[in-house]
PDB file of N, CA and C in Angstrom:
ATOM      1  N   MET A   1      38.697  95.915 176.749  1.00  0.00           N
ATOM      2  CA  MET A   1      39.945  95.353 176.799  1.00  0.00           C
ATOM      3  C   MET A   1      40.456  94.396 176.052  1.00  0.00           C
ATOM      4  N   GLN A   2      39.075  94.118 175.332  1.00  0.00           N
ATOM      5  CA  GLN A   2      39.683  92.733 174.007  1.00  0.00           C
ATOM      6  C   GLN A   2      40.767  93.601 173.114  1.00  0.00           C
ATOM      7  N   HIS A   3      40.792  94.886 172.653  1.00  0.00           N
ATOM      8  CA  HIS A   3      41.709  95.186 171.436  1.00  0.00           C
ATOM      9  C   HIS A   3      42.896  95.308 172.280  1.00  0.00           C
ATOM     10  N   ALA A   4      43.102  95.730 173.502  1.00  0.00           N
ATOM     11  CA  ALA A   4      44.351  95.543 174.490  1.00  0.00           C
ATOM     12  C   ALA A   4      44.849  94.078 174.650  1.00  0.00           C
ATOM     13  N   ILE A   5      44.229  93.356 174.754  1.00  0.00           N
ATOM     14  CA  ILE A   5      44.588  91.846 175.075  1.00  0.00           C
ATOM     15  C   ILE A   5      45.250  91.491 173.431  1.00  0.00           C
ATOM     16  N   ALA A   6      44.241  91.750 172.479  1.00  0.00           N
ATOM     17  CA  ALA A   6      44.528  91.238 170.961  1.00  0.00           C
ATOM     18  C   ALA A   6      45.667  91.824 170.609  1.00  0.00           C
ATOM     19  N   ARG A   7      46.266  92.889 171.057  1.00  0.00           N
ATOM     20  CA  ARG A   7      47.529  93.632 170.761  1.00  0.00           C
ATOM     21  C   ARG A   7      48.837  92.904 171.538  1.00  0.00           C
ATOM     22  N   GLY A   8      48.555  92.679 172.777  1.00  0.00           N
ATOM     23  CA  GLY A   8      49.497  92.107 173.328  1.00  0.00           C
ATOM     24  C   GLY A   8      49.986  93.273 174.255  1.00  0.00           C
ATOM     25  N   ALA A   9      51.006  92.967 175.390  1.00  0.00           N
ATOM     26  CA  ALA A   9      51.667  93.978 176.109  1.00  0.00           C
ATOM     27  C   ALA A   9      52.280  94.784 175.478  1.00  0.00           C
ATOM     28  N   ASP A  10      52.917  94.727 174.410  1.00  0.00           N
ATOM     29  CA  ASP A  10      54.010  95.682 173.808  1.00  0.00           C
ATOM     30  C   ASP A  10      53.510  96.731 172.709  1.00  0.00           C
ATOM     31  N   LYS A  11      51.919  96.544 172.382  1.00  0.00           N
ATOM     32  CA  LYS A  11      51.621  97.109 171.260  1.00  0.00           C
ATOM     33  C   LYS A  11      50.484  98.130 171.825  1.00  0.00           C
ATOM     34  N   SER A  12      50.163  99.488 171.186  1.00  0.00           N
ATOM     35  CA  SER A  12      49.270  99.921 171.309  1.00  0.00           C
ATOM     36  C   SER A  12      47.907 100.133 170.384  1.00  0.00           C
ATOM     37  N   PHE A  13      46.753 100.826 170.424  1.00  0.00           N
ATOM     38  CA  PHE A  13      45.935 101.411 169.934  1.00  0.00           C
ATOM     39  C   PHE A  13      44.937 102.344 169.962  1.00  0.00           C
ATOM     40  N   CYS A  14      44.554 102.852 168.734  1.00  0.00           N
ATOM     41  CA  CYS A  14      43.770 104.223 168.932  1.00  0.00           C
ATOM     42  C   CYS A  14      42.504 104.032 169.382  1.00  0.00           C
ATOM     43  N   PRO A  15      41.914 104.840 170.317  1.00  0.00           N
ATOM     44  CA  PRO A  15      40.420 104.663 171.182  1.00  0.00           C
ATOM     45  C   PRO A  15      39.422 104.524 169.894  1.00  0.00           C
ATOM     46  N   SER A  16      39.903 105.423 169.072  1.00  0.00           N
ATOM     47  CA  SER A  16      38.724 105.173 167.696  1.00  0.00           C
ATOM     48  C   SER A  16      38.358 104.112 167.350  1.00  0.00           C
ATOM     49  N   GLU A  17      39.375 103.007 167.353  1.00  0.00           N
ATOM     50  CA  GLU A  17      39.336 101.626 166.922  1.00  0.00           C
ATOM     51  C   GLU A  17      37.867 100.825 167.409  1.00  0.00           C
ATOM     52  N   VAL A  18      37.954 101.245 168.876  1.00  0.00           N
ATOM     53  CA  VAL A  18      37.151 100.822 169.715  1.00  0.00           C
ATOM     54  C   VAL A  18      35.615 101.411 169.204  1.00  0.00           C
ATOM     55  N   ALA A  19      35.782 102.607 169.158  1.00  0.00           N
ATOM     56  CA  ALA A  19      34.424 103.524 168.844  1.00  0.00           C
ATOM     57  C   ALA A  19      33.805 102.985 167.593  1.00  0.00           C
ATOM     58  N   ARG A  20      34.792 102.783 166.575  1.00  0.00           N
ATOM     59  CA  ARG A  20      34.500 102.530 165.099  1.00  0.00           C
ATOM     60  C   ARG A  20      33.820 100.907 165.118  1.00  0.00           C
ATOM     61  N   ALA A  21      34.422  99.882 166.116  1.00  0.00           N
ATOM     62  CA  ALA A  21      33.680  98.665 166.121  1.00  0.00           C
ATOM     63  C   ALA A  21      32.194  98.885 166.648  1.00  0.00           C
ATOM     64  N   LEU A  22      31.947  99.855 167.666  1.00  0.00           N
ATOM     65  CA  LEU A  22      30.596  99.688 168.228  1.00  0.00           C
ATOM     66  C   LEU A  22      29.471 100.626 167.395  1.00  0.00           C
ATOM     67  N   ALA A  23      30.057 101.495 166.338  1.00  0.00           N
ATOM     68  CA  ALA A  23      28.788 102.242 165.886  1.00  0.00           C
ATOM     69  C   ALA A  23      29.347 102.878 164.532  1.00  0.00           C
ATOM     70  N   ASP A  24      28.567 102.950 163.700  1.00  0.00           N
ATOM     71  CA  ASP A  24      28.797 104.042 162.340  1.00  0.00           C
ATOM     72  C   ASP A  24      29.546 105.177 162.877  1.00  0.00           C
ATOM     73  N   ASP A  25      28.289 105.802 163.529  1.00  0.00           N
ATOM     74  CA  ASP A  25      28.469 107.251 164.156  1.00  0.00           C
ATOM     75  C   ASP A  25      29.272 107.275 165.404  1.00  0.00           C
ATOM     76  N   TRP A  26      30.622 106.935 165.481  1.00  0.00           N
ATOM     77  CA  TRP A  26      31.533 106.623 166.324  1.00  0.00           C
ATOM     78  C   TRP A  26      32.086 107.892 167.162  1.00  0.00           C
ATOM     79  N   ARG A  27      32.054 108.744 166.653  1.00  0.00           N
ATOM     80  CA  ARG A  27      32.765 109.857 167.249  1.00  0.00           C
ATOM     81  C   ARG A  27      32.304 110.426 168.601  1.00  0.00           C
ATOM     82  N   PRO A  28      30.877 110.422 168.772  1.00  0.00           N
ATOM     83  CA  PRO A  28      29.969 110.671 170.170  1.00  0.00           C
ATOM     84  C   PRO A  28      30.609 109.753 170.949  1.00  0.00           C
ATOM     85  N   LEU A  29      31.093 108.456 170.707  1.00  0.00           N
ATOM     86  CA  LEU A  29      31.334 107.525 171.559  1.00  0.00           C
ATOM     87  C   LEU A  29      33.020 107.583 172.319  1.00  0.00           C
ATOM     88  N   MET A  30      33.698 108.526 171.792  1.00  0.00           N
ATOM     89  CA  MET A  30      35.123 108.717 172.138  1.00  0.00           C
ATOM     90  C   MET A  30      35.268 109.024 173.739  1.00  0.00           C
ATOM     91  N   PRO A  31      34.263 110.226 174.337  1.00  0.00           N
ATOM     92  CA  PRO A  31      34.618 110.321 175.670  1.00  0.00           C
ATOM     93  C   PRO A  31      34.143 109.084 176.687  1.00  0.00           C
ATOM     94  N   ARG A  32      33.248 108.351 175.985  1.00  0.00           N
ATOM     95  CA  ARG A  32      32.817 107.203 176.856  1.00  0.00           C
ATOM     96  C   ARG A  32      34.088 105.914 176.580  1.00  0.00           C
ATOM     97  N   VAL A  33      34.531 105.898 175.381  1.00  0.00           N
ATOM     98  CA  VAL A  33      35.789 104.989 175.306  1.00  0.00           C
ATOM     99  C   VAL A  33      36.764 105.480 176.130  1.00  0.00           C
ATOM    100  N   ARG A  34      37.252 106.718 176.423  1.00  0.00           N
ATOM    101  CA  ARG A  34      38.461 107.147 177.086  1.00  0.00           C
ATOM    102  C   ARG A  34      37.902 106.996 178.856  1.00  0.00           C
ATOM    103  N   THR A  35      36.677 107.174 179.241  1.00  0.00           N
ATOM    104  CA  THR A  35      36.221 106.872 180.408  1.00  0.00           C
ATOM    105  C   THR A  35      36.318 105.476 180.565  1.00  0.00           C
ATOM    106  N   CYS A  36      36.314 104.413 179.955  1.00  0.00           N
ATOM    107  CA  CYS A  36      36.303 102.910 180.151  1.00  0.00           C
ATOM    108  C   CYS A  36      37.662 102.663 180.141  1.00  0.00           C
ATOM    109  N   ALA A  37      38.387 103.138 179.405  1.00  0.00           N
ATOM    110  CA  ALA A  37      40.147 103.005 179.555  1.00  0.00           C
ATOM    111  C   ALA A  37      40.645 103.569 180.915  1.00  0.00           C
ATOM    112  N   VAL A  38      39.804 104.510 181.555  1.00  0.00           N
ATOM    113  CA  VAL A  38      40.576 104.735 183.113  1.00  0.00           C
ATOM    114  C   VAL A  38      40.208 103.522 183.950  1.00  0.00           C
ATOM    115  N   ARG A  39      38.792 103.201 183.865  1.00  0.00           N
ATOM    116  CA  ARG A  39      38.210 102.324 184.638  1.00  0.00           C
ATOM    117  C   ARG A  39      39.193 100.742 184.645  1.00  0.00           C
ATOM    118  N   LEU A  40      39.185 100.646 183.091  1.00  0.00           N
ATOM    119  CA  LEU A  40      40.101  99.547 182.986  1.00  0.00           C
ATOM    120  C   LEU A  40      41.637  99.199 183.068  1.00  0.00           C
ATOM    121  N   ARG A  41      42.033 100.389 183.711  1.00  0.00           N
ATOM    122  CA  ARG A  41      43.531 100.773 184.036  1.00  0.00           C
ATOM    123  C   ARG A  41      44.354 100.530 182.817  1.00  0.00           C
ATOM    124  N   LEU A  42      43.555 100.946 181.547  1.00  0.00           N
ATOM    125  CA  LEU A  42      44.796 100.945 180.461  1.00  0.00           C
ATOM    126  C   LEU A  42      45.807 102.039 180.472  1.00  0.00           C
ATOM    127  N   ARG A  43      46.915 101.941 179.789  1.00  0.00           N
ATOM    128  CA  ARG A  43      47.982 102.999 179.854  1.00  0.00           C
ATOM    129  C   ARG A  43      47.586 103.770 178.681  1.00  0.00           C
ATOM    130  N   ALA A  44      47.735 105.091 178.825  1.00  0.00           N
ATOM    131  CA  ALA A  44      47.091 106.181 177.793  1.00  0.00           C
ATOM    132  C   ALA A  44      48.650 106.941 177.789  1.00  0.00           C
ATOM    133  N   THR A  45      48.799 106.846 176.109  1.00  0.00           N
ATOM    134  CA  THR A  45      50.149 107.934 176.099  1.00  0.00           C
ATOM    135  C   THR A  45      49.858 108.744 174.958  1.00  0.00           C
ATOM    136  N   GLN A  46      50.551 109.785 174.598  1.00  0.00           N
ATOM    137  CA  GLN A  46      50.385 110.721 173.345  1.00  0.00           C
ATOM    138  C   GLN A  46      52.066 111.111 172.982  1.00  0.00           C
ATOM    139  N   GLN A  47      52.433 110.573 172.174  1.00  0.00           N
ATOM    140  CA  GLN A  47      53.560 110.659 171.413  1.00  0.00           C
ATOM    141  C   GLN A  47      54.841 110.244 172.375  1.00  0.00           C
ATOM    142  N   GLY A  48      54.062 109.059 172.844  1.00  0.00           N
ATOM    143  CA  GLY A  48      54.883 107.837 173.599  1.00  0.00           C
ATOM    144  C   GLY A  48      55.054 108.521 175.411  1.00  0.00           C
ATOM    145  N   ALA A  49      54.219 109.661 175.475  1.00  0.00           N
ATOM    146  CA  ALA A  49      54.438 110.008 177.114  1.00  0.00           C
ATOM    147  C   ALA A  49      53.290 109.664 177.799  1.00  0.00           C
ATOM    148  N   PRO A  50      53.310 109.324 178.822  1.00  0.00           N
ATOM    149  CA  PRO A  50      52.040 108.797 179.896  1.00  0.00           C
ATOM    150  C   PRO A  50      51.049 110.183 179.856  1.00  0.00           C
ATOM    151  N   VAL A  51      49.797 109.850 179.788  1.00  0.00           N
ATOM    152  CA  VAL A  51      49.082 110.763 179.774  1.00  0.00           C
ATOM    153  C   VAL A  51      47.815 110.711 180.261  1.00  0.00           C
ATOM    154  N   ASP A  52      47.030 111.435 181.117  1.00  0.00           N
ATOM    155  CA  ASP A  52      45.538 111.106 181.555  1.00  0.00           C
ATOM    156  C   ASP A  52      44.479 110.950 180.164  1.00  0.00           C
ATOM    157  N   PRO A  53      43.957 109.933 180.113  1.00  0.00           N
ATOM    158  CA  PRO A  53      42.979 110.092 178.854  1.00  0.00           C
ATOM    159  C   PRO A  53      41.614 110.868 179.000  1.00  0.00           C
ATOM    160  N   LEU A  54      41.552 111.269 180.217  1.00  0.00           N
ATOM    161  CA  LEU A  54      40.182 112.134 180.266  1.00  0.00           C
ATOM    162  C   LEU A  54      40.716 113.706 179.980  1.00  0.00           C
ATOM    163  N   THR A  55      41.931 113.877 180.379  1.00  0.00           N
ATOM    164  CA  THR A  55      42.169 115.478 180.150  1.00  0.00           C
ATOM    165  C   THR A  55      43.124 115.799 178.839  1.00  0.00           C
ATOM    166  N   ALA A  56      43.718 114.351 178.233  1.00  0.00           N
ATOM    167  CA  ALA A  56      44.419 114.761 177.312  1.00  0.00           C
ATOM    168  C   ALA A  56      43.927 115.277 175.773  1.00  0.00           C
ATOM    169  N   GLN A  57      44.343 116.531 175.301  1.00  0.00           N
ATOM    170  CA  GLN A  57      43.746 116.998 174.105  1.00  0.00           C
ATOM    171  C   GLN A  57      44.535 116.126 173.185  1.00  0.00           C
ATOM    172  N   GLY A  58      43.650 115.840 171.731  1.00  0.00           N
ATOM    173  CA  GLY A  58      44.166 115.241 170.584  1.00  0.00           C
ATOM    174  C   GLY A  58      44.216 114.012 170.914  1.00  0.00           C
ATOM    175  N   PRO A  59      44.910 113.400 169.779  1.00  0.00           N
ATOM    176  CA  PRO A  59      44.989 111.882 169.762  1.00  0.00           C
ATOM    177  C   PRO A  59      45.643 111.022 170.543  1.00  0.00           C
ATOM    178  N   ILE A  60      45.630 110.094 171.527  1.00  0.00           N
ATOM    179  CA  ILE A  60      45.965 109.421 172.221  1.00  0.00           C
ATOM    180  C   ILE A  60      46.180 107.806 171.665  1.00  0.00           C
ATOM    181  N   ARG A  61      46.846 107.175 172.648  1.00  0.00           N
ATOM    182  CA  ARG A  61      47.400 105.686 172.464  1.00  0.00           C
ATOM    183  C   ARG A  61      46.714 105.032 173.590  1.00  0.00           C
ATOM    184  N   LEU A  62      46.073 103.827 173.360  1.00  0.00           N
ATOM    185  CA  LEU A  62      45.865 103.176 174.568  1.00  0.00           C
ATOM    186  C   LEU A  62      46.667 101.636 174.468  1.00  0.00           C
ATOM    187  N   SER A  63      47.341 101.109 175.890  1.00  0.00           N
ATOM    188  CA  SER A  63      47.477  99.733 175.622  1.00  0.00           C
ATOM    189  C   SER A  63      47.632  99.292 177.106  1.00  0.00           C
ATOM    190  N   LEU A  64      47.823  97.836 177.292  1.00  0.00           N
ATOM    191  CA  LEU A  64      47.845  97.275 178.681  1.00  0.00           C
ATOM    192  C   LEU A  64      48.887  98.203 179.393  1.00  0.00           C
ATOM    193  N   ALA A  65      48.603  98.180 180.858  1.00  0.00           N
ATOM    194  CA  ALA A  65      49.455  98.671 181.822  1.00  0.00           C
ATOM    195  C   ALA A  65      50.844  98.000 181.894  1.00  0.00           C
ATOM    196  N   GLN A  66      51.862  98.099 181.668  1.00  0.00           N
ATOM    197  CA  GLN A  66      53.043  97.595 182.071  1.00  0.00           C
ATOM    198  C   GLN A  66      53.396  97.603 183.643  1.00  0.00           C
ATOM    199  N   ASP A  67      53.662  96.202 183.740  1.00  0.00           N
ATOM    200  CA  ASP A  67      53.974  95.744 185.263  1.00  0.00           C
ATOM    201  C   ASP A  67      55.073  96.277 185.849  1.00  0.00           C
ATOM    202  N   PRO A  68      55.417  97.082 186.855  1.00  0.00           N
ATOM    203  CA  PRO A  68      56.812  97.509 187.359  1.00  0.00           C
ATOM    204  C   PRO A  68      57.590  96.572 187.650  1.00  0.00           C
ATOM    205  N   ASP A  69      58.671  96.537 187.560  1.00  0.00           N
ATOM    206  CA  ASP A  69      59.718  95.716 187.695  1.00  0.00           C
ATOM    207  C   ASP A  69      60.313  95.731 188.916  1.00  0.00           C
TER     208      ASP A  69
END
C-alpha cells in the first residue's frame, strides 16, 4: 500500500517494484504481491484496461482504486 500512497491517486506502479524492495530474489514473490493487491483493493490494469491481478497474464500496473463519482 505504501507504493500506491506514495505515487498518489493518479499514478501507478509495477508489482515488481514491491517484490524487489522485499528481496534480492524477488521473482518468487510476484504471486504473493498480486494476492496482496487484491486484499488491499488496489486497481490493476494492463495496457490501461482493468484486469484481475490474479488471472492476468504478463505485466500489470497497480494503483489506488479510484472513487466512483
